[in-house]
Amino acid sequence: TSITIDAGNSNYSSVDGVFFNKLQTLLIQYPAGILDNS
């Protein structure tokens, strides 16, 4: 349900548990267990 990236990481980031590259131009992983339907 959540992938948490340390805010100081220079290569990756996370927003609401969703995993991105640092600049958030690439969505790497939306956790499959998130219960939201949209």
All heavy atoms as atom14 arrays in JSON, in Angstrom:
{
  "sequence": "TSITIDAGNSNYSSVDGVFFNKLQTLLIQYPAGILDNS",
  "atom14_mask": [
    [1, 1, 1, 1, 1, 1, 1, 0, 0, 0, 0, 0, 0, 0],
    [1, 1, 1, 1, 1, 1, 0, 0, 0, 0, 0, 0, 0, 0],
    [1, 1, 1, 1, 1, 1, 1, 1, 0, 0, 0, 0, 0, 0],
    [1, 1, 1, 1, 1, 1, 1, 0, 0, 0, 0, 0, 0, 0],
    [1, 1, 1, 1, 1, 1, 1, 1, 0, 0, 0, 0, 0, 0],
    [1, 1, 1, 1, 1, 1, 1, 1, 0, 0, 0, 0, 0, 0],
    [1, 1, 1, 1, 1, 0, 0, 0, 0, 0, 0, 0, 0, 0],
    [1, 1, 1, 1, 0, 0, 0, 0, 0, 0, 0, 0, 0, 0],
    [1, 1, 1, 1, 1, 1, 1, 1, 0, 0, 0, 0, 0, 0],
    [1, 1, 1, 1, 1, 1, 0, 0, 0, 0, 0, 0, 0, 0],
    [1, 1, 1, 1, 1, 1, 1, 1, 0, 0, 0, 0, 0, 0],
    [1, 1, 1, 1, 1, 1, 1, 1, 1, 1, 1, 1, 0, 0],
    [1, 1, 1, 1, 1, 1, 0, 0, 0, 0, 0, 0, 0, 0],
    [1, 1, 1, 1, 1, 1, 0, 0, 0, 0, 0, 0, 0, 0],
    [1, 1, 1, 1, 1, 1, 1, 0, 0, 0, 0, 0, 0, 0],
    [1, 1, 1, 1, 1, 1, 1, 1, 0, 0, 0, 0, 0, 0],
    [1, 1, 1, 1, 0, 0, 0, 0, 0, 0, 0, 0, 0, 0],
    [1, 1, 1, 1, 1, 1, 1, 0, 0, 0, 0, 0, 0, 0],
    [1, 1, 1, 1, 1, 1, 1, 1, 1, 1, 1, 0, 0, 0],
    [1, 1, 1, 1, 1, 1, 1, 1, 1, 1, 1, 0, 0, 0],
    [1, 1, 1, 1, 1, 1, 1, 1, 0, 0, 0, 0, 0, 0],
    [1, 1, 1, 1, 1, 1, 1, 1, 1, 0, 0, 0, 0, 0],
    [1, 1, 1, 1, 1, 1, 1, 1, 0, 0, 0, 0, 0, 0],
    [1, 1, 1, 1, 1, 1, 1, 1, 1, 0, 0, 0, 0, 0],
    [1, 1, 1, 1, 1, 1, 1, 0, 0, 0, 0, 0, 0, 0],
    [1, 1, 1, 1, 1, 1, 1, 1, 0, 0, 0, 0, 0, 0],
    [1, 1, 1, 1, 1, 1, 1, 1, 0, 0, 0, 0, 0, 0],
    [1, 1, 1, 1, 1, 1, 1, 1, 0, 0, 0, 0, 0, 0],
    [1, 1, 1, 1, 1, 1, 1, 1, 1, 0, 0, 0, 0, 0],
    [1, 1, 1, 1, 1, 1, 1, 1, 1, 1, 1, 1, 0, 0],
    [1, 1, 1, 1, 1, 1, 1, 0, 0, 0, 0, 0, 0, 0],
    [1, 1, 1, 1, 1, 0, 0, 0, 0, 0, 0, 0, 0, 0],
    [1, 1, 1, 1, 0, 0, 0, 0, 0, 0, 0, 0, 0, 0],
    [1, 1, 1, 1, 1, 1, 1, 1, 0, 0, 0, 0, 0, 0],
    [1, 1, 1, 1, 1, 1, 1, 1, 0, 0, 0, 0, 0, 0],
    [1, 1, 1, 1, 1, 1, 1, 1, 0, 0, 0, 0, 0, 0],
    [1, 1, 1, 1, 1, 1, 1, 1, 0, 0, 0, 0, 0, 0],
    [1, 1, 1, 1, 1, 1, 0, 0, 0, 0, 0, 0, 0, 0]
  ],
  "atom14_positions": [
    [[0.81, -1.22, 0.0], [0.0, 0.0, 0.0], [0.84, 1.27, 0.0], [0.34, 2.35, -0.29], [-0.93, 0.05, 1.22], [-0.14, -0.02, 2.41], [-1.92, -1.11, 1.21], [0.0, 0.0, 0.0], [0.0, 0.0, 0.0], [0.0, 0.0, 0.0], [0.0, 0.0, 0.0], [0.0, 0.0, 0.0], [0.0, 0.0, 0.0], [0.0, 0.0, 0.0]],
    [[2.13, 1.14, 0.33], [2.94, 2.35, 0.43], [4.42, 2.06, 0.22], [4.97, 1.13, 0.81], [2.73, 3.01, 1.8], [3.53, 4.16, 1.94], [0.0, 0.0, 0.0], [0.0, 0.0, 0.0], [0.0, 0.0, 0.0], [0.0, 0.0, 0.0], [0.0, 0.0, 0.0], [0.0, 0.0, 0.0], [0.0, 0.0, 0.0], [0.0, 0.0, 0.0]],
    [[5.03, 2.88, -0.63], [6.49, 2.89, -0.78], [6.96, 4.27, -0.34], [6.56, 5.28, -0.92], [6.91, 2.63, -2.24], [6.4, 1.26, -2.72], [8.43, 2.69, -2.38], [6.58, 1.02, -4.2], [0.0, 0.0, 0.0], [0.0, 0.0, 0.0], [0.0, 0.0, 0.0], [0.0, 0.0, 0.0], [0.0, 0.0, 0.0], [0.0, 0.0, 0.0]],
    [[7.74, 4.31, 0.74], [8.18, 5.59, 1.29], [9.65, 5.81, 0.99], [10.5, 4.98, 1.34], [7.97, 5.63, 2.82], [6.58, 5.4, 3.1], [8.38, 6.97, 3.39], [0.0, 0.0, 0.0], [0.0, 0.0, 0.0], [0.0, 0.0, 0.0], [0.0, 0.0, 0.0], [0.0, 0.0, 0.0], [0.0, 0.0, 0.0], [0.0, 0.0, 0.0]],
    [[9.96, 6.93, 0.33], [11.33, 7.27, -0.04], [11.79, 8.44, 0.84], [11.09, 9.44, 0.98], [11.43, 7.69, -1.52], [10.77, 6.64, -2.44], [12.89, 7.92, -1.91], [11.48, 5.33, -2.5], [0.0, 0.0, 0.0], [0.0, 0.0, 0.0], [0.0, 0.0, 0.0], [0.0, 0.0, 0.0], [0.0, 0.0, 0.0], [0.0, 0.0, 0.0]],
    [[12.96, 8.31, 1.44], [13.53, 9.4, 2.23], [13.58, 10.67, 1.38], [14.02, 10.64, 0.22], [14.93, 9.01, 2.69], [15.5, 9.98, 3.71], [15.73, 11.15, 3.32], [15.73, 9.57, 4.86], [0.0, 0.0, 0.0], [0.0, 0.0, 0.0], [0.0, 0.0, 0.0], [0.0, 0.0, 0.0], [0.0, 0.0, 0.0], [0.0, 0.0, 0.0]],
    [[13.13, 11.78, 1.95], [13.05, 13.05, 1.2], [14.41, 13.51, 0.69], [14.5, 14.26, -0.28], [12.44, 14.12, 2.08], [0.0, 0.0, 0.0], [0.0, 0.0, 0.0], [0.0, 0.0, 0.0], [0.0, 0.0, 0.0], [0.0, 0.0, 0.0], [0.0, 0.0, 0.0], [0.0, 0.0, 0.0], [0.0, 0.0, 0.0], [0.0, 0.0, 0.0]],
    [[15.48, 13.07, 1.34], [16.81, 13.46, 0.92], [17.39, 12.64, -0.21], [18.48, 12.93, -0.71], [0.0, 0.0, 0.0], [0.0, 0.0, 0.0], [0.0, 0.0, 0.0], [0.0, 0.0, 0.0], [0.0, 0.0, 0.0], [0.0, 0.0, 0.0], [0.0, 0.0, 0.0], [0.0, 0.0, 0.0], [0.0, 0.0, 0.0], [0.0, 0.0, 0.0]],
    [[16.66, 11.6, -0.67], [17.15, 10.76, -1.76], [17.24, 11.59, -3.04], [16.28, 12.26, -3.43], [16.22, 9.56, -1.95], [16.82, 8.51, -2.86], [17.08, 8.75, -4.03], [17.03, 7.33, -2.32], [0.0, 0.0, 0.0], [0.0, 0.0, 0.0], [0.0, 0.0, 0.0], [0.0, 0.0, 0.0], [0.0, 0.0, 0.0], [0.0, 0.0, 0.0]],
    [[18.39, 11.52, -3.7], [18.62, 12.37, -4.88], [18.14, 11.74, -6.18], [18.19, 12.39, -7.24], [20.12, 12.7, -5.0], [20.87, 11.5, -5.11], [0.0, 0.0, 0.0], [0.0, 0.0, 0.0], [0.0, 0.0, 0.0], [0.0, 0.0, 0.0], [0.0, 0.0, 0.0], [0.0, 0.0, 0.0], [0.0, 0.0, 0.0], [0.0, 0.0, 0.0]],
    [[17.66, 10.48, -6.14], [17.25, 9.79, -7.36], [15.76, 9.44, -7.41], [15.18, 9.34, -8.48], [18.05, 8.49, -7.52], [19.51, 8.74, -7.76], [19.93, 8.96, -8.89], [20.3, 8.72, -6.7], [0.0, 0.0, 0.0], [0.0, 0.0, 0.0], [0.0, 0.0, 0.0], [0.0, 0.0, 0.0], [0.0, 0.0, 0.0], [0.0, 0.0, 0.0]],
    [[15.16, 9.26, -6.25], [13.77, 8.79, -6.19], [12.95, 9.63, -5.22], [13.49, 10.33, -4.36], [13.72, 7.32, -5.76], [14.52, 6.4, -6.67], [15.74, 5.89, -6.26], [14.05, 6.06, -7.93], [16.48, 5.05, -7.09], [14.77, 5.23, -8.77], [15.99, 4.73, -8.34], [16.71, 3.92, -9.17], [0.0, 0.0, 0.0], [0.0, 0.0, 0.0]],
    [[11.62, 9.53, -5.37], [10.71, 10.23, -4.47], [9.41, 9.44, -4.36], [9.15, 8.52, -5.15], [10.42, 11.65, -4.99], [9.77, 11.59, -6.25], [0.0, 0.0, 0.0], [0.0, 0.0, 0.0], [0.0, 0.0, 0.0], [0.0, 0.0, 0.0], [0.0, 0.0, 0.0], [0.0, 0.0, 0.0], [0.0, 0.0, 0.0], [0.0, 0.0, 0.0]],
    [[8.6, 9.8, -3.39], [7.28, 9.17, -3.25], [6.25, 10.22, -2.89], [6.55, 11.19, -2.17], [7.31, 8.06, -2.2], [7.66, 8.57, -0.93], [0.0, 0.0, 0.0], [0.0, 0.0, 0.0], [0.0, 0.0, 0.0], [0.0, 0.0, 0.0], [0.0, 0.0, 0.0], [0.0, 0.0, 0.0], [0.0, 0.0, 0.0], [0.0, 0.0, 0.0]],
    [[5.05, 10.06, -3.41], [3.93, 10.95, -3.12], [2.73, 10.08, -2.77], [2.29, 9.27, -3.61], [3.59, 11.87, -4.32], [2.39, 12.76, -3.98], [4.78, 12.7, -4.72], [0.0, 0.0, 0.0], [0.0, 0.0, 0.0], [0.0, 0.0, 0.0], [0.0, 0.0, 0.0], [0.0, 0.0, 0.0], [0.0, 0.0, 0.0], [0.0, 0.0, 0.0]],
    [[2.24, 10.22, -1.55], [1.1, 9.42, -1.08], [1.35, 7.92, -1.29], [0.45, 7.17, -1.66], [-0.19, 9.84, -1.79], [-0.56, 11.29, -1.51], [-0.25, 11.77, -0.4], [-1.11, 11.94, -2.41], [0.0, 0.0, 0.0], [0.0, 0.0, 0.0], [0.0, 0.0, 0.0], [0.0, 0.0, 0.0], [0.0, 0.0, 0.0], [0.0, 0.0, 0.0]],
    [[2.61, 7.52, -1.07], [2.96, 6.1, -1.17], [3.26, 5.61, -2.56], [3.63, 4.45, -2.75], [0.0, 0.0, 0.0], [0.0, 0.0, 0.0], [0.0, 0.0, 0.0], [0.0, 0.0, 0.0], [0.0, 0.0, 0.0], [0.0, 0.0, 0.0], [0.0, 0.0, 0.0], [0.0, 0.0, 0.0], [0.0, 0.0, 0.0], [0.0, 0.0, 0.0]],
    [[3.12, 6.48, -3.58], [3.4, 6.11, -4.98], [4.85, 6.48, -5.29], [5.35, 7.54, -4.89], [2.44, 6.82, -5.94], [2.72, 6.41, -7.39], [0.98, 6.49, -5.57], [0.0, 0.0, 0.0], [0.0, 0.0, 0.0], [0.0, 0.0, 0.0], [0.0, 0.0, 0.0], [0.0, 0.0, 0.0], [0.0, 0.0, 0.0], [0.0, 0.0, 0.0]],
    [[5.52, 5.62, -6.02], [6.97, 5.69, -6.24], [7.29, 6.34, -7.58], [6.79, 5.9, -8.63], [7.49, 4.25, -6.16], [8.95, 4.05, -6.39], [9.88, 5.0, -6.02], [9.42, 2.86, -6.94], [11.24, 4.8, -6.21], [10.76, 2.63, -7.13], [11.68, 3.61, -6.77], [0.0, 0.0, 0.0], [0.0, 0.0, 0.0], [0.0, 0.0, 0.0]],
    [[8.13, 7.4, -7.54], [8.52, 8.15, -8.74], [10.04, 8.31, -8.77], [10.72, 8.07, -7.77], [7.92, 9.57, -8.72], [6.43, 9.64, -8.69], [5.73, 9.59, -7.49], [5.7, 9.77, -9.87], [4.35, 9.68, -7.46], [4.31, 9.85, -9.85], [3.64, 9.8, -8.64], [0.0, 0.0, 0.0], [0.0, 0.0, 0.0], [0.0, 0.0, 0.0]],
    [[10.56, 8.76, -9.93], [11.93, 9.27, -9.92], [11.94, 10.61, -9.19], [10.89, 11.11, -8.78], [12.49, 9.37, -11.35], [11.76, 10.41, -12.2], [10.69, 10.91, -11.84], [12.34, 10.75, -13.33], [0.0, 0.0, 0.0], [0.0, 0.0, 0.0], [0.0, 0.0, 0.0], [0.0, 0.0, 0.0], [0.0, 0.0, 0.0], [0.0, 0.0, 0.0]],
    [[13.1, 11.2, -9.0], [13.21, 12.4, -8.17], [12.37, 13.55, -8.71], [11.69, 14.27, -7.97], [14.68, 12.82, -8.04], [14.89, 13.99, -7.08], [14.48, 13.64, -5.66], [14.79, 14.76, -4.68], [14.4, 14.4, -3.29], [0.0, 0.0, 0.0], [0.0, 0.0, 0.0], [0.0, 0.0, 0.0], [0.0, 0.0, 0.0], [0.0, 0.0, 0.0]],
    [[12.41, 13.77, -10.03], [11.7, 14.89, -10.64], [10.22, 14.59, -10.87], [9.48, 15.44, -11.36], [12.36, 15.27, -11.97], [13.81, 15.78, -11.88], [14.35, 16.04, -13.27], [13.89, 17.03, -11.01], [0.0, 0.0, 0.0], [0.0, 0.0, 0.0], [0.0, 0.0, 0.0], [0.0, 0.0, 0.0], [0.0, 0.0, 0.0], [0.0, 0.0, 0.0]],
    [[9.82, 13.36, -10.55], [8.44, 12.89, -10.73], [7.97, 13.01, -12.18], [6.81, 13.31, -12.47], [7.5, 13.64, -9.78], [7.78, 13.31, -8.31], [7.05, 14.17, -7.32], [6.02, 14.74, -7.64], [7.58, 14.27, -6.12], [0.0, 0.0, 0.0], [0.0, 0.0, 0.0], [0.0, 0.0, 0.0], [0.0, 0.0, 0.0], [0.0, 0.0, 0.0]],
    [[8.93, 12.75, -13.1], [8.59, 12.66, -14.52], [8.32, 11.2, -14.93], [7.71, 10.96, -15.97], [9.74, 13.21, -15.39], [10.95, 12.51, -15.08], [9.92, 14.7, -15.14], [0.0, 0.0, 0.0], [0.0, 0.0, 0.0], [0.0, 0.0, 0.0], [0.0, 0.0, 0.0], [0.0, 0.0, 0.0], [0.0, 0.0, 0.0], [0.0, 0.0, 0.0]],
    [[8.79, 10.27, -14.11], [8.57, 8.84, -14.36], [7.82, 8.23, -13.18], [8.29, 8.28, -12.04], [9.91, 8.12, -14.54], [9.87, 6.58, -14.58], [9.11, 6.09, -15.8], [11.28, 6.0, -14.56], [0.0, 0.0, 0.0], [0.0, 0.0, 0.0], [0.0, 0.0, 0.0], [0.0, 0.0, 0.0], [0.0, 0.0, 0.0], [0.0, 0.0, 0.0]],
    [[6.65, 7.67, -13.45], [5.91, 6.95, -12.42], [6.41, 5.51, -12.45], [6.19, 4.79, -13.41], [4.4, 7.01, -12.67], [3.49, 6.58, -11.52], [2.08, 7.16, -11.7], [3.39, 5.07, -11.35], [0.0, 0.0, 0.0], [0.0, 0.0, 0.0], [0.0, 0.0, 0.0], [0.0, 0.0, 0.0], [0.0, 0.0, 0.0], [0.0, 0.0, 0.0]],
    [[7.1, 5.11, -11.39], [7.76, 3.8, -11.38], [6.84, 2.71, -10.85], [6.76, 1.62, -11.42], [9.05, 3.87, -10.53], [10.03, 4.89, -11.14], [9.71, 2.49, -10.44], [11.23, 5.18, -10.27], [0.0, 0.0, 0.0], [0.0, 0.0, 0.0], [0.0, 0.0, 0.0], [0.0, 0.0, 0.0], [0.0, 0.0, 0.0], [0.0, 0.0, 0.0]],
    [[6.14, 2.98, -9.74], [5.3, 1.93, -9.14], [4.14, 2.54, -8.37], [4.34, 3.34, -7.45], [6.12, 1.06, -8.19], [5.39, -0.18, -7.7], [5.35, -1.26, -8.77], [6.39, -1.69, -9.24], [4.15, -1.7, -9.12], [0.0, 0.0, 0.0], [0.0, 0.0, 0.0], [0.0, 0.0, 0.0], [0.0, 0.0, 0.0], [0.0, 0.0, 0.0]],
    [[2.94, 2.14, -8.77], [1.74, 2.42, -7.99], [1.46, 1.16, -7.2], [1.17, 0.11, -7.78], [0.58, 2.75, -8.92], [-0.73, 3.08, -8.22], [-1.07, 4.4, -7.94], [-1.63, 2.08, -7.86], [-2.27, 4.71, -7.32], [-2.82, 2.39, -7.23], [-3.14, 3.7, -6.96], [-4.33, 4.0, -6.33], [0.0, 0.0, 0.0], [0.0, 0.0, 0.0]],
    [[1.58, 1.21, -5.85], [1.44, -0.02, -5.06], [0.09, -0.71, -5.29], [-0.97, -0.08, -5.22], [1.57, 0.48, -3.62], [2.4, 1.7, -3.73], [1.96, 2.36, -5.0], [0.0, 0.0, 0.0], [0.0, 0.0, 0.0], [0.0, 0.0, 0.0], [0.0, 0.0, 0.0], [0.0, 0.0, 0.0], [0.0, 0.0, 0.0], [0.0, 0.0, 0.0]],
    [[0.16, -2.01, -5.57], [-1.03, -2.76, -5.97], [-2.06, -2.88, -4.86], [-3.24, -3.14, -5.13], [-0.61, -4.16, -6.43], [0.0, 0.0, 0.0], [0.0, 0.0, 0.0], [0.0, 0.0, 0.0], [0.0, 0.0, 0.0], [0.0, 0.0, 0.0], [0.0, 0.0, 0.0], [0.0, 0.0, 0.0], [0.0, 0.0, 0.0], [0.0, 0.0, 0.0]],
    [[-1.65, -2.69, -3.61], [-2.58, -2.86, -2.5], [-3.37, -1.62, -2.12], [-4.22, -1.67, -1.23], [0.0, 0.0, 0.0], [0.0, 0.0, 0.0], [0.0, 0.0, 0.0], [0.0, 0.0, 0.0], [0.0, 0.0, 0.0], [0.0, 0.0, 0.0], [0.0, 0.0, 0.0], [0.0, 0.0, 0.0], [0.0, 0.0, 0.0], [0.0, 0.0, 0.0]],
    [[-3.11, -0.48, -2.77], [-3.88, 0.73, -2.49], [-5.35, 0.46, -2.8], [-5.69, -0.06, -3.86], [-3.35, 1.93, -3.31], [-1.95, 2.32, -2.84], [-4.29, 3.13, -3.2], [-1.32, 3.44, -3.63], [0.0, 0.0, 0.0], [0.0, 0.0, 0.0], [0.0, 0.0, 0.0], [0.0, 0.0, 0.0], [0.0, 0.0, 0.0], [0.0, 0.0, 0.0]],
    [[-6.24, 0.84, -1.88], [-7.65, 0.48, -2.0], [-8.47, 1.46, -2.85], [-9.6, 1.15, -3.21], [-8.28, 0.35, -0.61], [-7.71, -0.75, 0.28], [-8.38, -0.74, 1.65], [-7.86, -2.12, -0.38], [0.0, 0.0, 0.0], [0.0, 0.0, 0.0], [0.0, 0.0, 0.0], [0.0, 0.0, 0.0], [0.0, 0.0, 0.0], [0.0, 0.0, 0.0]],
    [[-7.9, 2.63, -3.15], [-8.64, 3.61, -3.97], [-9.0, 3.0, -5.32], [-8.21, 2.24, -5.9], [-7.79, 4.86, -4.2], [-7.46, 5.58, -2.89], [-8.16, 5.33, -1.89], [-6.5, 6.37, -2.88], [0.0, 0.0, 0.0], [0.0, 0.0, 0.0], [0.0, 0.0, 0.0], [0.0, 0.0, 0.0], [0.0, 0.0, 0.0], [0.0, 0.0, 0.0]],
    [[-10.19, 3.36, -5.83], [-10.6, 2.8, -7.13], [-10.35, 3.74, -8.3], [-10.69, 3.42, -9.44], [-12.06, 2.36, -7.09], [-13.03, 3.5, -6.79], [-12.65, 4.68, -6.83], [-14.26, 3.17, -6.45], [0.0, 0.0, 0.0], [0.0, 0.0, 0.0], [0.0, 0.0, 0.0], [0.0, 0.0, 0.0], [0.0, 0.0, 0.0], [0.0, 0.0, 0.0]],
    [[-9.76, 4.91, -8.01], [-9.41, 5.82, -9.1], [-8.11, 6.53, -8.76], [-7.76, 6.69, -7.59], [-10.52, 6.84, -9.35], [-10.67, 7.7, -8.23], [0.0, 0.0, 0.0], [0.0, 0.0, 0.0], [0.0, 0.0, 0.0], [0.0, 0.0, 0.0], [0.0, 0.0, 0.0], [0.0, 0.0, 0.0], [0.0, 0.0, 0.0], [0.0, 0.0, 0.0]]
  ]
}
